[in-house]
Amino acid sequence: PATSDQIEKKGRVARHCLNLGSYNYLGFADDWNATCGKDVIASLDEFPVSTGSSRFELGSTVLHAKLEKLVANFIGKEDAVCFNMGFNTNTTTIPALVGSQDLLISDELNHTSIVNGARASGAAIRTFRHNNSNHLEGIIREAIIMGRPKSRRPWGKILVIVEGIYSMEGEYCNLRAIVDVCKKYGAYVYLDEAHSIGAMGPSGRGCAEYCGVDTNDIDVMMGTFTKSFGGMGGYIAASKEVVAFLRSECKGSTFHNSLSPVVCQQVISAFRVINGEDGSTRGQEKLTALRDNSNYMRMKLTDMGLHVLGNYDSPIMPVMLYNPTKIAAFSRECFKRGLAVVVVGFPAVPILMSRARFCISAGHTRKDLDRALCEIDEIADILKLRYVRSTLG
């Protein structure tokens, strides 16, 4: 890669930025050489970068089997199956689980991958108000009483889909109440832990651990390896019967190229660190640092008078900009000061709900965060963002 001097000679300017936007919750992208690098590089001696085939055909290796067993044991489910892309894990799994005779009930703020999977399934779709278990219960009761439109026959199955941490809100799921409602009426629960696995709970086991919910009460658990494990791809963990069905019927397993064996090793190595199997306390230190950094950043942003969404302990913190004209201005002002941030506007969020979204990492030092907070404080004055103190910012 070109150095800063080489880039400047070509008439371009290189700028070193503090990364406040990437999914690197446990910091494996920062200390890769010390944590995962040795085993990942060594895996290239035995395995190719790509298997060149789907899991259904010739795309399975011993690393895939090892990773799936690790995931199942870590979460507390009977079995798991891995996919090569997190987004496609949802978009291909949901159509395999439900069809035209079924009802899918989705939180109104669920991710686009869930929305796409729901639409592709052909199932009837209802949405419930965000994290509102009472509204969910009303929808399920009505569905059971009224049955399917026209015929009034019972629904084949009712599947409720929620997320562990909502990626545009920074809020965690009201999982205990939602699971209780689903158990009461015999509905199935599908939990998307893309942002919560590895980032929530005392040992990083996600939203279920954080909320004190037995994973046996959650029928299907989805997650990704991109946010906390420094890899890519996703997984579905469930009963042996469900996983066996998905291996043969889910398009993500039967048609998509399998997850790279090298990436499998990366995730396996990350699991070893998180579980303390590397002989160190680095995994627990990462979990503690992520929680402390997240809460520190959230507290300081709130003290500035910014409107910060989400819950404490969540590594995602959206700061509301509201006015769409402030989206590009905030991004540019941050970039000028050496901060790389993500800004979000329509259609990802409603047009008057524009926001900046900070993702905090265990790899951030307190010095990094203090520097970022100092710059953001200055930008808040320039762009009038202190909405907690005044409606005019």
Protein backbone atom coordinates (compact mmCIF):
# COMPACT_ATOMS: atom_id res chain seq x y z
CA PRO A 1 0.00 0.00 0.00
CA ALA A 2 1.08 3.55 -0.67
CA THR A 3 2.60 5.54 2.20
CA SER A 4 1.33 8.96 3.25
CA ASP A 5 4.29 10.62 1.48
CA GLN A 6 3.61 8.70 -1.76
CA ILE A 7 -0.05 9.66 -1.67
CA GLU A 8 0.75 13.34 -1.11
CA LYS A 9 3.13 13.32 -4.09
CA LYS A 10 0.26 12.11 -6.26
CA GLY A 11 -1.77 15.17 -5.28
CA ARG A 12 -3.93 13.43 -2.70
CA VAL A 13 -3.97 13.82 1.05
CA ALA A 14 -3.92 10.91 3.48
CA ARG A 15 -5.45 11.44 6.87
CA HIS A 16 -5.16 9.14 9.86
CA CYS A 17 -8.57 8.85 11.51
CA LEU A 18 -9.86 7.36 14.73
CA ASN A 19 -12.35 4.68 13.70
CA LEU A 20 -15.70 5.21 15.45
CA GLY A 21 -17.84 3.47 12.86
CA SER A 22 -16.66 -0.09 12.25
CA TYR A 23 -17.93 -3.26 13.90
CA ASN A 24 -14.85 -4.24 15.88
CA TYR A 25 -16.49 -4.69 19.25
CA LEU A 26 -13.86 -6.90 20.90
CA GLY A 27 -10.92 -5.31 19.12
CA PHE A 28 -9.65 -8.37 17.24
CA ALA A 29 -8.82 -6.12 14.28
CA ASP A 30 -6.36 -4.21 16.50
CA ASP A 31 -4.43 -7.01 18.19
CA TRP A 32 -4.84 -9.67 15.50
CA ASN A 33 -1.15 -10.63 15.43
CA ALA A 34 -1.18 -11.27 19.16
CA THR A 35 -4.53 -13.09 19.36
CA CYS A 36 -5.49 -14.90 16.14
CA GLY A 37 -2.83 -14.27 13.51
CA LYS A 38 -0.54 -17.23 14.16
CA ASP A 39 -3.28 -19.88 13.91
CA VAL A 40 -4.96 -18.20 10.94
CA ILE A 41 -1.74 -18.01 8.92
CA ALA A 42 -0.90 -21.62 9.82
CA SER A 43 -4.32 -22.78 8.54
CA LEU A 44 -3.24 -21.79 5.02
CA ASP A 45 -0.75 -24.65 5.06
CA GLU A 46 -3.58 -27.18 5.16
CA PHE A 47 -6.65 -25.43 3.76
CA PRO A 48 -7.43 -23.28 0.70
CA VAL A 49 -8.75 -19.71 0.93
CA SER A 50 -11.94 -20.94 -0.74
CA THR A 51 -13.44 -24.41 -1.06
CA GLY A 52 -14.99 -23.47 -4.41
CA SER A 53 -18.21 -25.27 -3.51
CA SER A 54 -21.33 -25.05 -1.40
CA ARG A 55 -21.73 -26.80 1.94
CA PHE A 56 -24.30 -29.10 0.34
CA GLU A 57 -21.69 -30.41 -2.09
CA LEU A 58 -17.91 -30.36 -1.44
CA GLY A 59 -17.59 -27.21 0.65
CA SER A 60 -17.30 -28.67 4.15
CA THR A 61 -14.01 -29.07 6.00
CA VAL A 62 -13.08 -30.14 9.51
CA LEU A 63 -12.83 -26.44 10.41
CA HIS A 64 -16.48 -25.89 9.46
CA ALA A 65 -17.54 -28.81 11.65
CA LYS A 66 -15.35 -27.58 14.52
CA LEU A 67 -16.73 -24.05 14.29
CA GLU A 68 -20.35 -25.23 14.24
CA LYS A 69 -19.77 -27.36 17.32
CA LEU A 70 -18.12 -24.41 19.06
CA VAL A 71 -21.05 -22.11 18.26
CA ALA A 72 -23.64 -24.62 19.47
CA ASN A 73 -21.78 -25.23 22.74
CA PHE A 74 -21.12 -21.53 23.32
CA ILE A 75 -24.78 -20.59 22.92
CA GLY A 76 -26.27 -23.69 24.49
CA LYS A 77 -28.10 -25.18 21.51
CA GLU A 78 -27.98 -28.71 20.11
CA ASP A 79 -26.46 -27.86 16.73
CA ALA A 80 -25.50 -25.00 14.41
CA VAL A 81 -24.87 -24.35 10.72
CA CYS A 82 -22.61 -21.61 9.36
CA PHE A 83 -23.08 -19.38 6.32
CA ASN A 84 -20.67 -17.25 4.31
CA MET A 85 -22.53 -13.94 4.79
CA GLY A 86 -24.45 -12.49 7.72
CA PHE A 87 -27.04 -10.66 5.61
CA ASN A 88 -27.80 -13.81 3.60
CA THR A 89 -28.12 -15.87 6.75
CA ASN A 90 -31.40 -14.09 7.43
CA THR A 91 -32.55 -13.65 3.84
CA THR A 92 -32.15 -17.36 3.04
CA THR A 93 -33.04 -18.96 6.38
CA ILE A 94 -36.37 -17.21 6.98
CA PRO A 95 -37.91 -18.40 3.64
CA ALA A 96 -36.84 -21.94 4.53
CA LEU A 97 -38.60 -21.80 7.90
CA VAL A 98 -41.95 -20.24 6.96
CA GLY A 99 -44.20 -20.21 3.90
CA SER A 100 -47.57 -19.17 2.57
CA GLN A 101 -49.54 -20.97 5.31
CA ASP A 102 -47.61 -19.30 8.11
CA LEU A 103 -47.60 -15.97 9.96
CA LEU A 104 -44.42 -14.01 10.59
CA ILE A 105 -44.55 -11.30 13.28
CA SER A 106 -41.63 -8.86 13.16
CA ASP A 107 -40.48 -6.00 15.39
CA GLU A 108 -41.05 -2.78 13.43
CA LEU A 109 -37.35 -1.85 13.66
CA ASN A 110 -35.91 -5.17 12.48
CA HIS A 111 -32.96 -5.13 10.07
CA THR A 112 -33.36 -5.04 6.28
CA SER A 113 -32.06 -8.60 5.99
CA ILE A 114 -35.01 -9.78 8.11
CA VAL A 115 -37.42 -7.68 6.06
CA ASN A 116 -36.07 -9.13 2.81
CA GLY A 117 -36.22 -12.68 4.16
CA ALA A 118 -39.78 -12.18 5.39
CA ARG A 119 -40.94 -10.84 2.02
CA ALA A 120 -39.22 -13.68 0.15
CA SER A 121 -40.86 -16.32 2.36
CA GLY A 122 -44.40 -15.72 1.09
CA ALA A 123 -45.69 -15.81 4.67
CA ALA A 124 -48.23 -13.31 5.95
CA ILE A 125 -46.43 -10.50 7.78
CA ARG A 126 -47.47 -8.45 10.79
CA THR A 127 -45.34 -5.92 12.67
CA PHE A 128 -45.54 -5.04 16.34
CA ARG A 129 -44.47 -1.80 18.00
CA HIS A 130 -40.80 -1.80 18.91
CA ASN A 131 -40.08 -3.89 22.01
CA ASN A 132 -43.77 -3.76 23.01
CA SER A 133 -44.72 -7.19 24.33
CA ASN A 134 -48.32 -6.13 25.01
CA HIS A 135 -48.84 -5.16 21.38
CA LEU A 136 -47.19 -8.43 20.31
CA GLU A 137 -49.56 -10.40 22.53
CA GLY A 138 -52.56 -8.64 21.00
CA ILE A 139 -51.40 -9.53 17.47
CA ILE A 140 -50.82 -13.18 18.40
CA ARG A 141 -54.22 -13.47 20.12
CA GLU A 142 -55.99 -11.99 17.11
CA ALA A 143 -54.07 -14.29 14.76
CA ILE A 144 -55.07 -17.38 16.74
CA ILE A 145 -58.71 -16.34 17.01
CA MET A 146 -59.19 -15.16 13.41
CA GLY A 147 -56.92 -17.61 11.62
CA ARG A 148 -55.86 -17.12 8.01
CA PRO A 149 -57.68 -14.55 5.88
CA LYS A 150 -60.61 -15.85 3.79
CA SER A 151 -60.43 -19.48 4.95
CA ARG A 152 -60.14 -18.74 8.71
CA ARG A 153 -58.17 -21.97 9.06
CA PRO A 154 -55.41 -22.00 11.70
CA TRP A 155 -51.98 -20.71 10.76
CA GLY A 156 -49.43 -23.44 10.09
CA LYS A 157 -46.97 -21.77 12.47
CA ILE A 158 -46.44 -18.34 13.99
CA LEU A 159 -42.85 -17.09 14.03
CA VAL A 160 -41.81 -13.99 16.02
CA ILE A 161 -38.54 -12.32 14.98
CA VAL A 162 -36.57 -9.90 17.15
CA GLU A 163 -32.98 -8.64 17.43
CA GLY A 164 -30.63 -8.77 20.41
CA ILE A 165 -29.37 -5.21 19.81
CA TYR A 166 -31.13 -3.02 17.26
CA SER A 167 -28.39 -1.67 15.04
CA MET A 168 -29.89 1.76 14.34
CA GLU A 169 -31.22 2.32 17.86
CA GLY A 170 -28.55 0.91 20.17
CA GLU A 171 -31.32 -0.67 22.26
CA TYR A 172 -31.37 -4.25 23.43
CA CYS A 173 -34.40 -6.47 23.09
CA ASN A 174 -37.07 -6.80 25.75
CA LEU A 175 -36.36 -10.49 25.41
CA ARG A 176 -37.74 -11.84 28.69
CA ALA A 177 -41.22 -10.39 28.11
CA ILE A 178 -41.31 -11.33 24.42
CA VAL A 179 -40.25 -14.93 25.06
CA ASP A 180 -42.87 -15.24 27.82
CA VAL A 181 -45.61 -14.08 25.42
CA CYS A 182 -44.48 -16.51 22.72
CA LYS A 183 -44.35 -19.44 25.14
CA LYS A 184 -47.83 -18.57 26.42
CA TYR A 185 -49.37 -18.85 22.94
CA GLY A 186 -47.11 -21.46 21.34
CA ALA A 187 -45.38 -19.11 18.90
CA TYR A 188 -41.81 -19.75 17.77
CA VAL A 189 -39.02 -17.26 18.57
CA TYR A 190 -36.26 -16.27 16.12
CA LEU A 191 -33.53 -14.12 17.71
CA ASP A 192 -31.07 -12.19 15.54
CA GLU A 193 -27.89 -11.69 17.59
CA ALA A 194 -25.79 -10.06 14.87
CA HIS A 195 -24.75 -7.22 17.18
CA SER A 196 -25.19 -8.84 20.58
CA ILE A 197 -23.27 -12.13 20.36
CA GLY A 198 -19.83 -11.58 21.82
CA ALA A 199 -20.75 -8.06 22.92
CA MET A 200 -23.42 -8.61 25.60
CA GLY A 201 -23.50 -10.63 28.78
CA PRO A 202 -20.81 -11.35 31.39
CA SER A 203 -19.18 -13.98 29.15
CA GLY A 204 -20.21 -12.56 25.77
CA ARG A 205 -22.99 -15.04 25.12
CA GLY A 206 -25.35 -12.37 23.92
CA CYS A 207 -28.77 -11.01 24.70
CA ALA A 208 -30.13 -14.22 26.22
CA GLU A 209 -27.37 -14.28 28.83
CA TYR A 210 -27.71 -10.55 29.48
CA CYS A 211 -31.50 -10.78 29.96
CA GLY A 212 -31.43 -14.04 31.90
CA VAL A 213 -33.35 -16.05 29.27
CA ASP A 214 -32.73 -19.78 28.84
CA THR A 215 -31.67 -20.44 25.25
CA ASN A 216 -33.91 -23.51 25.29
CA ASP A 217 -36.83 -21.07 25.21
CA ILE A 218 -35.53 -19.53 21.94
CA ASP A 219 -36.22 -21.76 18.96
CA VAL A 220 -33.84 -20.26 16.39
CA MET A 221 -30.76 -18.17 17.21
CA MET A 222 -28.98 -16.28 14.46
CA GLY A 223 -25.72 -14.39 14.72
CA THR A 224 -22.78 -13.10 12.70
CA PHE A 225 -19.00 -13.37 12.96
CA THR A 226 -18.31 -9.88 11.60
CA LYS A 227 -18.92 -7.74 14.68
CA SER A 228 -17.20 -9.38 17.65
CA PHE A 229 -15.05 -12.11 16.10
CA GLY A 230 -13.06 -10.24 13.46
CA GLY A 231 -14.30 -12.49 10.67
CA MET A 232 -17.26 -12.74 8.32
CA GLY A 233 -20.33 -14.89 7.78
CA GLY A 234 -23.15 -15.96 10.08
CA TYR A 235 -24.73 -18.92 11.83
CA ILE A 236 -28.04 -20.45 12.81
CA ALA A 237 -28.17 -22.40 16.09
CA ALA A 238 -31.21 -24.51 16.92
CA SER A 239 -32.30 -28.08 17.55
CA LYS A 240 -30.67 -30.89 15.58
CA GLU A 241 -33.86 -31.34 13.56
CA VAL A 242 -34.08 -27.69 12.53
CA VAL A 243 -30.39 -27.48 11.64
CA ALA A 244 -30.53 -30.72 9.62
CA PHE A 245 -33.52 -29.31 7.73
CA LEU A 246 -31.70 -26.04 6.99
CA ARG A 247 -28.60 -27.84 5.73
CA SER A 248 -30.64 -29.46 2.97
CA GLU A 249 -33.36 -26.86 2.32
CA CYS A 250 -31.87 -23.42 2.98
CA LYS A 251 -30.52 -21.74 -0.17
CA GLY A 252 -27.64 -20.24 1.80
CA SER A 253 -26.39 -23.78 2.47
CA THR A 254 -27.30 -25.55 -0.76
CA PHE A 255 -26.25 -22.90 -3.32
CA HIS A 256 -23.92 -20.32 -1.77
CA ASN A 257 -20.18 -20.87 -1.64
CA SER A 258 -19.21 -22.08 1.82
CA LEU A 259 -17.47 -19.92 4.40
CA SER A 260 -13.71 -19.69 3.80
CA PRO A 261 -11.77 -22.20 5.96
CA VAL A 262 -9.34 -19.41 6.80
CA VAL A 263 -12.20 -17.33 8.20
CA CYS A 264 -13.42 -20.38 10.12
CA GLN A 265 -10.02 -20.53 11.81
CA GLN A 266 -10.18 -16.81 12.61
CA VAL A 267 -13.51 -17.25 14.39
CA ILE A 268 -12.34 -20.42 16.17
CA SER A 269 -9.28 -18.54 17.44
CA ALA A 270 -11.47 -15.64 18.59
CA PHE A 271 -13.71 -18.06 20.49
CA ARG A 272 -10.64 -19.51 22.23
CA VAL A 273 -9.67 -16.03 23.42
CA ILE A 274 -13.20 -15.15 24.57
CA ASN A 275 -13.50 -18.46 26.46
CA GLY A 276 -10.08 -18.06 28.06
CA GLU A 277 -8.82 -21.22 26.35
CA ASP A 278 -5.68 -19.41 25.14
CA GLY A 279 -4.35 -19.49 28.70
CA SER A 280 -4.84 -15.77 29.31
CA THR A 281 -7.44 -13.39 30.69
CA ARG A 282 -7.43 -11.35 27.49
CA GLY A 283 -10.98 -12.42 26.55
CA GLN A 284 -12.52 -11.24 29.81
CA GLU A 285 -10.47 -8.06 29.64
CA LYS A 286 -11.89 -7.37 26.18
CA LEU A 287 -15.47 -7.86 27.38
CA THR A 288 -14.87 -5.57 30.36
CA ALA A 289 -13.15 -2.92 28.21
CA LEU A 290 -16.01 -2.94 25.70
CA ARG A 291 -18.62 -2.41 28.40
CA ASP A 292 -16.60 0.28 30.20
CA ASN A 293 -15.74 2.14 26.98
CA SER A 294 -19.35 2.02 25.79
CA ASN A 295 -20.77 3.32 29.05
CA TYR A 296 -18.12 6.03 29.35
CA MET A 297 -18.75 7.28 25.82
CA ARG A 298 -22.53 7.22 26.28
CA MET A 299 -22.34 9.07 29.59
CA LYS A 300 -20.09 11.82 28.18
CA LEU A 301 -22.18 12.29 25.02
CA THR A 302 -25.31 12.57 27.16
CA ASP A 303 -23.61 15.08 29.47
CA MET A 304 -22.92 17.26 26.41
CA GLY A 305 -26.66 17.65 25.90
CA LEU A 306 -26.74 15.44 22.79
CA HIS A 307 -29.76 13.23 22.19
CA VAL A 308 -28.26 9.75 22.47
CA LEU A 309 -30.43 6.70 21.74
CA GLY A 310 -30.05 3.23 23.18
CA ASN A 311 -29.19 1.57 26.46
CA TYR A 312 -26.16 1.49 28.68
CA ASP A 313 -23.92 -1.57 28.03
CA SER A 314 -24.73 -1.34 24.30
CA PRO A 315 -21.69 -0.63 22.08
CA ILE A 316 -23.91 1.15 19.53
CA MET A 317 -24.82 4.76 20.28
CA PRO A 318 -26.80 6.80 17.76
CA VAL A 319 -26.58 10.57 18.22
CA MET A 320 -29.57 12.35 16.71
CA LEU A 321 -28.99 14.97 14.01
CA TYR A 322 -32.67 15.16 12.94
CA ASN A 323 -32.18 17.74 10.16
CA PRO A 324 -31.13 15.90 6.96
CA THR A 325 -28.89 18.82 5.96
CA LYS A 326 -26.70 18.08 8.99
CA ILE A 327 -25.83 14.55 7.82
CA ALA A 328 -23.05 15.47 5.41
CA ALA A 329 -21.97 18.43 7.54
CA PHE A 330 -21.43 16.23 10.61
CA SER A 331 -19.49 13.65 8.59
CA ARG A 332 -17.22 16.28 7.04
CA GLU A 333 -16.58 18.12 10.29
CA CYS A 334 -15.60 14.82 11.93
CA PHE A 335 -13.38 13.86 9.01
CA LYS A 336 -11.59 17.21 9.12
CA ARG A 337 -10.77 16.48 12.76
CA GLY A 338 -9.57 12.94 12.13
CA LEU A 339 -12.70 11.05 13.16
CA ALA A 340 -14.17 8.38 10.88
CA VAL A 341 -17.89 8.11 11.64
CA VAL A 342 -21.05 6.64 10.13
CA VAL A 343 -24.00 8.91 9.42
CA VAL A 344 -27.46 7.57 8.63
CA GLY A 345 -30.33 9.11 6.69
CA PHE A 346 -33.40 8.20 4.69
CA PRO A 347 -34.35 5.49 3.68
CA ALA A 348 -32.41 3.62 6.40
CA VAL A 349 -34.26 5.75 8.97
CA PRO A 350 -37.28 8.12 8.65
CA ILE A 351 -36.35 11.33 6.87
CA LEU A 352 -36.51 13.50 10.01
CA MET A 353 -34.72 10.95 12.20
CA SER A 354 -31.22 11.41 10.74
CA ARG A 355 -28.41 10.40 13.05
CA ALA A 356 -24.73 9.65 13.49
CA ARG A 357 -23.97 6.16 14.76
CA PHE A 358 -20.90 5.48 16.88
CA CYS A 359 -19.69 1.91 17.37
CA ILE A 360 -17.35 1.54 20.33
CA SER A 361 -14.63 -1.09 20.61
CA ALA A 362 -12.58 -2.76 23.30
CA GLY A 363 -9.64 -1.60 21.18
CA HIS A 364 -10.32 2.06 21.94
CA THR A 365 -8.22 3.58 24.72
CA ARG A 366 -9.59 6.17 27.11
CA LYS A 367 -7.26 8.66 25.42
CA ASP A 368 -8.89 7.86 22.05
CA LEU A 369 -12.36 8.41 23.45
CA ASP A 370 -11.45 11.65 25.25
CA ARG A 371 -9.95 13.04 22.06
CA ALA A 372 -13.07 12.09 20.09
CA LEU A 373 -15.35 13.61 22.73
CA CYS A 374 -13.42 16.88 22.63
CA GLU A 375 -13.86 17.11 18.86
CA ILE A 376 -17.54 16.12 18.98
CA ASP A 377 -18.16 18.76 21.65
CA GLU A 378 -16.82 21.41 19.28
CA ILE A 379 -18.88 20.06 16.36
CA ALA A 380 -22.02 20.07 18.51
CA ASP A 381 -21.65 23.83 18.91
CA ILE A 382 -21.04 24.42 15.21
CA LEU A 383 -24.01 22.31 14.05
CA LYS A 384 -26.34 23.06 16.98
CA LEU A 385 -26.82 19.48 18.16
CA ARG A 386 -27.56 19.93 21.87
CA TYR A 387 -31.23 19.02 21.51
CA VAL A 388 -31.58 17.88 25.12
CA ARG A 389 -30.96 21.45 26.26
CA SER A 390 -32.89 23.25 23.52
CA THR A 391 -35.19 22.27 20.66
CA LEU A 392 -33.02 24.46 18.44
CA GLY A 393 -29.87 22.54 19.40
